[in-house]
Amino acid sequence: MKVKLASTDDDLIRAFPAVQALRPNLTLETYLPMVKRMMNNGFHLAILELENGSVPAIGGFRIDEMFHRGKGVYVDDLSTLEEHRSKGFGAIVLDFIIAYCKEQGCECIHLDSGVQRFRAHRFYLKYGFDITSHHFAMKF
């Protein structure tokens, strides 16, 4: 198994089931043009590939810089297919993202997680993340 940054349509298509596991509102038809637009604006998609070419886990992230934290990485999506959970795949993808971003000069990593995602919260806390804020949102 290996982790790499998705760079081809084939990579993106093989990653789709793991993306859709976290974002069920997406269809392949909406996902492909959207992820390509996002990638043109700094989004990266790390994919964990198994020997058979399947992608059971992904991590979507972007590197940015803000006054309050300096240069850092924001993880938009970290997802593992249900049948592959508790095998360490999420940690492998997260380790890849952290190593890649450290190489890019990042100082920190941030993410948001829905309040209902208790398994994810246990994972992040065990991994060493702290709960540092509440996220507020408004749709219009």
N, C-alpha and C. Protein backbone atom coordinates (compact mmCIF):
# COMPACT_ATOMS: atom_id res chain seq x y z
N MET A 1 0.84 -1.18 0.00
CA MET A 1 0.00 0.00 0.00
C MET A 1 0.88 1.23 0.00
N LYS A 2 0.35 2.31 -0.60
CA LYS A 2 1.09 3.57 -0.62
C LYS A 2 0.11 4.73 -0.60
N VAL A 3 0.60 5.87 -0.14
CA VAL A 3 -0.18 7.10 -0.16
C VAL A 3 0.49 8.05 -1.15
N LYS A 4 -0.34 8.70 -1.95
CA LYS A 4 0.16 9.69 -2.90
C LYS A 4 -0.89 10.76 -3.08
N LEU A 5 -0.49 11.85 -3.72
CA LEU A 5 -1.44 12.89 -4.08
C LEU A 5 -2.11 12.51 -5.39
N ALA A 6 -3.43 12.58 -5.43
CA ALA A 6 -4.17 12.28 -6.65
C ALA A 6 -3.76 13.29 -7.72
N SER A 7 -3.52 12.78 -8.92
CA SER A 7 -3.10 13.69 -9.99
C SER A 7 -3.77 13.39 -11.33
N THR A 8 -4.47 12.27 -11.42
CA THR A 8 -5.11 11.90 -12.69
C THR A 8 -6.59 11.69 -12.48
N ASP A 9 -7.34 11.68 -13.57
CA ASP A 9 -8.77 11.36 -13.48
C ASP A 9 -8.97 9.98 -12.87
N ASP A 10 -8.12 9.02 -13.24
CA ASP A 10 -8.24 7.67 -12.68
C ASP A 10 -8.08 7.70 -11.16
N ASP A 11 -7.09 8.46 -10.66
CA ASP A 11 -6.92 8.60 -9.20
C ASP A 11 -8.19 9.15 -8.57
N LEU A 12 -8.74 10.19 -9.17
CA LEU A 12 -9.92 10.85 -8.60
C LEU A 12 -11.13 9.93 -8.62
N ILE A 13 -11.30 9.17 -9.69
CA ILE A 13 -12.43 8.25 -9.80
C ILE A 13 -12.30 7.11 -8.78
N ARG A 14 -11.10 6.56 -8.62
CA ARG A 14 -10.90 5.48 -7.64
C ARG A 14 -11.09 5.99 -6.22
N ALA A 15 -10.83 7.27 -5.98
CA ALA A 15 -11.00 7.86 -4.66
C ALA A 15 -12.46 8.18 -4.33
N PHE A 16 -13.30 8.26 -5.35
CA PHE A 16 -14.68 8.73 -5.15
C PHE A 16 -15.45 7.96 -4.07
N PRO A 17 -15.43 6.62 -4.04
CA PRO A 17 -16.21 5.94 -2.98
C PRO A 17 -15.82 6.38 -1.56
N ALA A 18 -14.53 6.59 -1.31
CA ALA A 18 -14.10 7.05 0.01
C ALA A 18 -14.53 8.48 0.27
N VAL A 19 -14.52 9.31 -0.75
CA VAL A 19 -15.02 10.68 -0.61
C VAL A 19 -16.51 10.65 -0.33
N GLN A 20 -17.24 9.86 -1.11
CA GLN A 20 -18.69 9.80 -0.97
C GLN A 20 -19.12 9.22 0.38
N ALA A 21 -18.29 8.38 0.98
CA ALA A 21 -18.61 7.85 2.31
C ALA A 21 -18.76 8.98 3.32
N LEU A 22 -17.98 10.05 3.15
CA LEU A 22 -18.07 11.21 4.04
C LEU A 22 -19.03 12.26 3.50
N ARG A 23 -19.12 12.35 2.19
CA ARG A 23 -19.94 13.38 1.53
C ARG A 23 -20.98 12.71 0.63
N PRO A 24 -22.01 12.09 1.23
CA PRO A 24 -22.99 11.32 0.45
C PRO A 24 -23.82 12.15 -0.52
N ASN A 25 -23.79 13.45 -0.39
CA ASN A 25 -24.53 14.32 -1.31
C ASN A 25 -23.89 14.36 -2.70
N LEU A 26 -22.65 13.94 -2.82
CA LEU A 26 -21.94 14.01 -4.10
C LEU A 26 -22.27 12.83 -4.99
N THR A 27 -22.35 13.09 -6.27
CA THR A 27 -22.39 12.04 -7.29
C THR A 27 -21.09 12.15 -8.06
N LEU A 28 -20.74 11.11 -8.78
CA LEU A 28 -19.52 11.16 -9.58
C LEU A 28 -19.57 12.31 -10.58
N GLU A 29 -20.77 12.57 -11.10
CA GLU A 29 -20.93 13.64 -12.09
C GLU A 29 -20.71 15.03 -11.47
N THR A 30 -21.07 15.23 -10.22
CA THR A 30 -20.83 16.53 -9.58
C THR A 30 -19.44 16.60 -8.97
N TYR A 31 -18.95 15.47 -8.49
CA TYR A 31 -17.65 15.41 -7.82
C TYR A 31 -16.48 15.74 -8.75
N LEU A 32 -16.43 15.12 -9.91
CA LEU A 32 -15.26 15.29 -10.79
C LEU A 32 -15.00 16.75 -11.17
N PRO A 33 -15.97 17.48 -11.69
CA PRO A 33 -15.67 18.88 -12.01
C PRO A 33 -15.39 19.72 -10.77
N MET A 34 -16.06 19.40 -9.66
CA MET A 34 -15.85 20.16 -8.43
C MET A 34 -14.44 19.95 -7.89
N VAL A 35 -14.00 18.69 -7.79
CA VAL A 35 -12.67 18.43 -7.23
C VAL A 35 -11.58 19.01 -8.13
N LYS A 36 -11.79 19.01 -9.44
CA LYS A 36 -10.81 19.62 -10.34
C LYS A 36 -10.74 21.13 -10.13
N ARG A 37 -11.89 21.78 -9.95
CA ARG A 37 -11.88 23.22 -9.65
C ARG A 37 -11.16 23.49 -8.33
N MET A 38 -11.46 22.65 -7.34
CA MET A 38 -10.82 22.81 -6.04
C MET A 38 -9.31 22.63 -6.14
N MET A 39 -8.88 21.64 -6.93
CA MET A 39 -7.44 21.40 -7.10
C MET A 39 -6.77 22.57 -7.80
N ASN A 40 -7.49 23.25 -8.68
CA ASN A 40 -6.94 24.45 -9.33
C ASN A 40 -6.79 25.61 -8.36
N ASN A 41 -7.44 25.50 -7.19
CA ASN A 41 -7.38 26.54 -6.16
C ASN A 41 -6.64 26.08 -4.91
N GLY A 42 -5.74 25.10 -5.05
CA GLY A 42 -4.88 24.72 -3.93
C GLY A 42 -5.29 23.50 -3.13
N PHE A 43 -6.38 22.84 -3.51
CA PHE A 43 -6.82 21.64 -2.81
C PHE A 43 -5.95 20.46 -3.23
N HIS A 44 -5.60 19.60 -2.28
CA HIS A 44 -4.86 18.36 -2.54
C HIS A 44 -5.69 17.19 -2.04
N LEU A 45 -5.64 16.08 -2.75
CA LEU A 45 -6.34 14.88 -2.31
C LEU A 45 -5.32 13.76 -2.17
N ALA A 46 -5.03 13.39 -0.93
CA ALA A 46 -4.15 12.27 -0.65
C ALA A 46 -4.98 10.99 -0.70
N ILE A 47 -4.47 9.99 -1.42
CA ILE A 47 -5.19 8.73 -1.55
C ILE A 47 -4.30 7.59 -1.08
N LEU A 48 -4.89 6.68 -0.33
CA LEU A 48 -4.22 5.46 0.09
C LEU A 48 -4.59 4.37 -0.90
N GLU A 49 -3.62 3.85 -1.61
CA GLU A 49 -3.85 2.80 -2.61
C GLU A 49 -3.42 1.45 -2.06
N LEU A 50 -4.31 0.49 -2.19
CA LEU A 50 -3.94 -0.88 -1.84
C LEU A 50 -3.30 -1.54 -3.05
N GLU A 51 -2.74 -2.72 -2.84
CA GLU A 51 -2.05 -3.45 -3.92
C GLU A 51 -2.95 -3.66 -5.14
N ASN A 52 -4.26 -3.85 -4.92
CA ASN A 52 -5.18 -4.10 -6.03
C ASN A 52 -5.66 -2.82 -6.72
N GLY A 53 -5.13 -1.67 -6.30
CA GLY A 53 -5.50 -0.40 -6.91
C GLY A 53 -6.69 0.29 -6.28
N SER A 54 -7.36 -0.37 -5.35
CA SER A 54 -8.51 0.27 -4.70
C SER A 54 -8.02 1.34 -3.72
N VAL A 55 -8.91 2.27 -3.41
CA VAL A 55 -8.59 3.40 -2.52
C VAL A 55 -9.58 3.39 -1.35
N PRO A 56 -9.17 2.80 -0.22
CA PRO A 56 -10.08 2.73 0.92
C PRO A 56 -10.10 3.97 1.80
N ALA A 57 -9.12 4.88 1.62
CA ALA A 57 -9.05 6.05 2.50
C ALA A 57 -8.47 7.24 1.74
N ILE A 58 -8.98 8.41 2.08
CA ILE A 58 -8.53 9.66 1.45
C ILE A 58 -8.38 10.76 2.49
N GLY A 59 -7.63 11.77 2.11
CA GLY A 59 -7.53 12.98 2.93
C GLY A 59 -7.44 14.19 2.02
N GLY A 60 -8.42 15.05 2.09
CA GLY A 60 -8.42 16.28 1.30
C GLY A 60 -7.97 17.44 2.16
N PHE A 61 -7.05 18.24 1.63
CA PHE A 61 -6.49 19.32 2.44
C PHE A 61 -6.02 20.47 1.58
N ARG A 62 -5.78 21.58 2.23
CA ARG A 62 -5.22 22.76 1.57
C ARG A 62 -4.24 23.43 2.52
N ILE A 63 -3.21 24.01 1.95
CA ILE A 63 -2.22 24.76 2.71
C ILE A 63 -2.57 26.25 2.56
N ASP A 64 -2.58 26.95 3.69
CA ASP A 64 -2.87 28.37 3.64
C ASP A 64 -2.10 29.08 4.74
N GLU A 65 -2.26 30.38 4.80
CA GLU A 65 -1.59 31.18 5.81
C GLU A 65 -2.58 32.18 6.37
N MET A 66 -2.61 32.28 7.70
CA MET A 66 -3.53 33.19 8.38
C MET A 66 -2.80 33.91 9.50
N PHE A 67 -3.26 35.11 9.79
CA PHE A 67 -2.64 35.91 10.85
C PHE A 67 -2.59 35.16 12.17
N HIS A 68 -3.67 34.48 12.54
CA HIS A 68 -3.76 33.89 13.88
C HIS A 68 -2.98 32.59 14.05
N ARG A 69 -2.51 31.97 12.95
CA ARG A 69 -1.79 30.71 13.13
C ARG A 69 -0.59 30.54 12.23
N GLY A 70 -0.36 31.46 11.35
CA GLY A 70 0.78 31.33 10.43
C GLY A 70 0.44 30.37 9.30
N LYS A 71 1.48 29.77 8.71
CA LYS A 71 1.29 28.83 7.60
C LYS A 71 0.89 27.48 8.16
N GLY A 72 -0.21 26.95 7.64
CA GLY A 72 -0.72 25.69 8.16
C GLY A 72 -1.50 24.93 7.12
N VAL A 73 -1.96 23.78 7.54
CA VAL A 73 -2.76 22.93 6.68
C VAL A 73 -4.15 22.80 7.31
N TYR A 74 -5.16 22.85 6.46
CA TYR A 74 -6.53 22.62 6.89
C TYR A 74 -7.01 21.35 6.20
N VAL A 75 -7.43 20.38 6.99
CA VAL A 75 -7.95 19.13 6.45
C VAL A 75 -9.45 19.28 6.26
N ASP A 76 -9.88 19.27 5.01
CA ASP A 76 -11.30 19.38 4.68
C ASP A 76 -12.01 18.04 4.86
N ASP A 77 -11.34 16.97 4.45
CA ASP A 77 -11.98 15.65 4.40
C ASP A 77 -10.96 14.59 4.79
N LEU A 78 -11.34 13.73 5.71
CA LEU A 78 -10.56 12.54 6.04
C LEU A 78 -11.58 11.42 6.15
N SER A 79 -11.47 10.44 5.26
CA SER A 79 -12.53 9.43 5.17
C SER A 79 -11.94 8.06 4.85
N THR A 80 -12.49 7.07 5.49
CA THR A 80 -12.15 5.67 5.23
C THR A 80 -13.45 4.92 4.99
N LEU A 81 -13.46 4.08 3.97
CA LEU A 81 -14.63 3.25 3.72
C LEU A 81 -14.96 2.42 4.95
N GLU A 82 -16.24 2.28 5.23
CA GLU A 82 -16.70 1.59 6.45
C GLU A 82 -16.03 0.23 6.64
N GLU A 83 -15.94 -0.55 5.58
CA GLU A 83 -15.39 -1.90 5.70
C GLU A 83 -13.88 -1.92 5.96
N HIS A 84 -13.24 -0.76 5.88
CA HIS A 84 -11.80 -0.67 6.12
C HIS A 84 -11.46 0.13 7.37
N ARG A 85 -12.45 0.51 8.15
CA ARG A 85 -12.18 1.29 9.35
C ARG A 85 -11.52 0.42 10.42
N SER A 86 -10.83 1.08 11.33
CA SER A 86 -10.12 0.45 12.45
C SER A 86 -8.95 -0.42 11.98
N LYS A 87 -8.40 -0.11 10.81
CA LYS A 87 -7.21 -0.80 10.30
C LYS A 87 -6.00 0.13 10.27
N GLY A 88 -6.18 1.35 10.75
CA GLY A 88 -5.08 2.31 10.77
C GLY A 88 -4.92 3.11 9.49
N PHE A 89 -5.84 2.97 8.54
CA PHE A 89 -5.71 3.66 7.26
C PHE A 89 -5.85 5.18 7.41
N GLY A 90 -6.76 5.63 8.27
CA GLY A 90 -6.92 7.06 8.49
C GLY A 90 -5.64 7.68 9.04
N ALA A 91 -5.00 6.98 9.97
CA ALA A 91 -3.74 7.48 10.54
C ALA A 91 -2.64 7.51 9.49
N ILE A 92 -2.61 6.52 8.61
CA ILE A 92 -1.60 6.49 7.55
C ILE A 92 -1.77 7.71 6.64
N VAL A 93 -3.01 8.01 6.26
CA VAL A 93 -3.26 9.18 5.40
C VAL A 93 -2.92 10.46 6.15
N LEU A 94 -3.33 10.56 7.40
CA LEU A 94 -3.04 11.77 8.18
C LEU A 94 -1.54 11.95 8.36
N ASP A 95 -0.80 10.89 8.62
CA ASP A 95 0.66 10.97 8.74
C ASP A 95 1.27 11.50 7.44
N PHE A 96 0.76 11.03 6.30
CA PHE A 96 1.25 11.50 5.00
C PHE A 96 1.00 13.00 4.85
N ILE A 97 -0.21 13.44 5.18
CA ILE A 97 -0.55 14.85 5.05
C ILE A 97 0.36 15.70 5.93
N ILE A 98 0.56 15.28 7.16
CA ILE A 98 1.40 16.05 8.09
C ILE A 98 2.84 16.12 7.58
N ALA A 99 3.39 14.99 7.14
CA ALA A 99 4.76 14.98 6.63
C ALA A 99 4.89 15.88 5.40
N TYR A 100 3.94 15.77 4.48
CA TYR A 100 3.97 16.59 3.27
C TYR A 100 3.92 18.07 3.63
N CYS A 101 3.05 18.43 4.54
CA CYS A 101 2.87 19.84 4.88
C CYS A 101 4.06 20.37 5.68
N LYS A 102 4.68 19.55 6.50
CA LYS A 102 5.90 19.99 7.18
C LYS A 102 6.98 20.30 6.15
N GLU A 103 7.08 19.47 5.11
CA GLU A 103 8.05 19.72 4.03
C GLU A 103 7.77 21.04 3.33
N GLN A 104 6.50 21.47 3.35
CA GLN A 104 6.11 22.73 2.71
C GLN A 104 6.22 23.92 3.67
N GLY A 105 6.74 23.69 4.87
CA GLY A 105 6.95 24.77 5.83
C GLY A 105 5.76 25.08 6.71
N CYS A 106 4.80 24.18 6.80
CA CYS A 106 3.63 24.42 7.65
C CYS A 106 4.00 24.26 9.12
N GLU A 107 3.29 25.01 9.96
CA GLU A 107 3.54 25.03 11.40
C GLU A 107 2.45 24.32 12.20
N CYS A 108 1.29 24.04 11.58
CA CYS A 108 0.17 23.50 12.33
C CYS A 108 -0.82 22.81 11.39
N ILE A 109 -1.72 22.07 12.00
CA ILE A 109 -2.78 21.40 11.25
C ILE A 109 -4.10 21.66 11.96
N HIS A 110 -5.14 21.92 11.18
CA HIS A 110 -6.47 22.20 11.72
C HIS A 110 -7.52 21.42 10.94
N LEU A 111 -8.63 21.15 11.58
CA LEU A 111 -9.78 20.55 10.91
C LEU A 111 -11.02 20.80 11.74
N ASP A 112 -12.16 20.67 11.11
CA ASP A 112 -13.45 20.70 11.79
C ASP A 112 -14.06 19.32 11.67
N SER A 113 -14.87 18.96 12.65
CA SER A 113 -15.55 17.67 12.61
C SER A 113 -16.96 17.87 13.15
N GLY A 114 -17.94 17.38 12.40
CA GLY A 114 -19.33 17.54 12.82
C GLY A 114 -19.56 17.03 14.23
N VAL A 115 -20.41 17.71 14.97
CA VAL A 115 -20.62 17.38 16.38
C VAL A 115 -21.15 15.96 16.59
N GLN A 116 -21.75 15.36 15.56
CA GLN A 116 -22.32 14.02 15.69
C GLN A 116 -21.30 12.91 15.40
N ARG A 117 -20.09 13.25 15.00
CA ARG A 117 -19.10 12.26 14.54
C ARG A 117 -18.22 11.79 15.70
N PHE A 118 -18.81 11.08 16.64
CA PHE A 118 -18.12 10.69 17.86
C PHE A 118 -16.91 9.79 17.62
N ARG A 119 -17.01 8.86 16.67
CA ARG A 119 -15.86 7.99 16.38
C ARG A 119 -14.69 8.82 15.86
N ALA A 120 -14.99 9.79 15.00
CA ALA A 120 -13.94 10.65 14.48
C ALA A 120 -13.30 11.46 15.60
N HIS A 121 -14.11 11.95 16.52
CA HIS A 121 -13.59 12.75 17.63
C HIS A 121 -12.65 11.91 18.49
N ARG A 122 -13.02 10.68 18.76
CA ARG A 122 -12.13 9.80 19.54
C ARG A 122 -10.81 9.61 18.81
N PHE A 123 -10.87 9.42 17.49
CA PHE A 123 -9.66 9.26 16.69
C PHE A 123 -8.77 10.50 16.80
N TYR A 124 -9.35 11.70 16.59
CA TYR A 124 -8.56 12.93 16.61
C TYR A 124 -7.96 13.19 17.99
N LEU A 125 -8.74 12.97 19.04
CA LEU A 125 -8.21 13.19 20.39
C LEU A 125 -7.10 12.19 20.71
N LYS A 126 -7.28 10.94 20.36
CA LYS A 126 -6.24 9.93 20.58
C LYS A 126 -4.99 10.25 19.76
N TYR A 127 -5.17 10.81 18.59
CA TYR A 127 -4.07 11.17 17.70
C TYR A 127 -3.25 12.33 18.26
N GLY A 128 -3.86 13.16 19.11
CA GLY A 128 -3.14 14.28 19.72
C GLY A 128 -3.70 15.65 19.42
N PHE A 129 -4.83 15.70 18.72
CA PHE A 129 -5.48 16.98 18.45
C PHE A 129 -6.12 17.50 19.73
N ASP A 130 -6.23 18.82 19.83
CA ASP A 130 -6.96 19.47 20.91
C ASP A 130 -8.21 20.12 20.33
N ILE A 131 -9.24 20.22 21.14
CA ILE A 131 -10.43 20.98 20.76
C ILE A 131 -10.14 22.42 21.13
N THR A 132 -10.00 23.28 20.12
CA THR A 132 -9.54 24.65 20.38
C THR A 132 -10.59 25.72 20.12
N SER A 133 -11.71 25.36 19.50
CA SER A 133 -12.72 26.39 19.22
C SER A 133 -14.03 25.74 18.84
N HIS A 134 -15.04 26.57 18.75
CA HIS A 134 -16.32 26.18 18.17
C HIS A 134 -16.36 26.81 16.79
N HIS A 135 -16.89 26.09 15.83
CA HIS A 135 -17.01 26.61 14.46
C HIS A 135 -18.43 27.09 14.27
N PHE A 136 -18.59 28.30 13.76
CA PHE A 136 -19.91 28.86 13.50
C PHE A 136 -20.08 29.02 12.01
N ALA A 137 -21.29 28.80 11.52
CA ALA A 137 -21.55 28.89 10.09
C ALA A 137 -22.92 29.52 9.85
N MET A 138 -23.06 30.16 8.71
CA MET A 138 -24.33 30.74 8.30
C MET A 138 -24.48 30.50 6.81
N LYS A 139 -25.61 29.95 6.43
CA LYS A 139 -25.89 29.75 5.01
C LYS A 139 -26.68 30.93 4.48
N PHE A 140 -26.41 31.31 3.24
CA PHE A 140 -27.22 32.34 2.57
C PHE A 140 -27.27 32.08 1.09
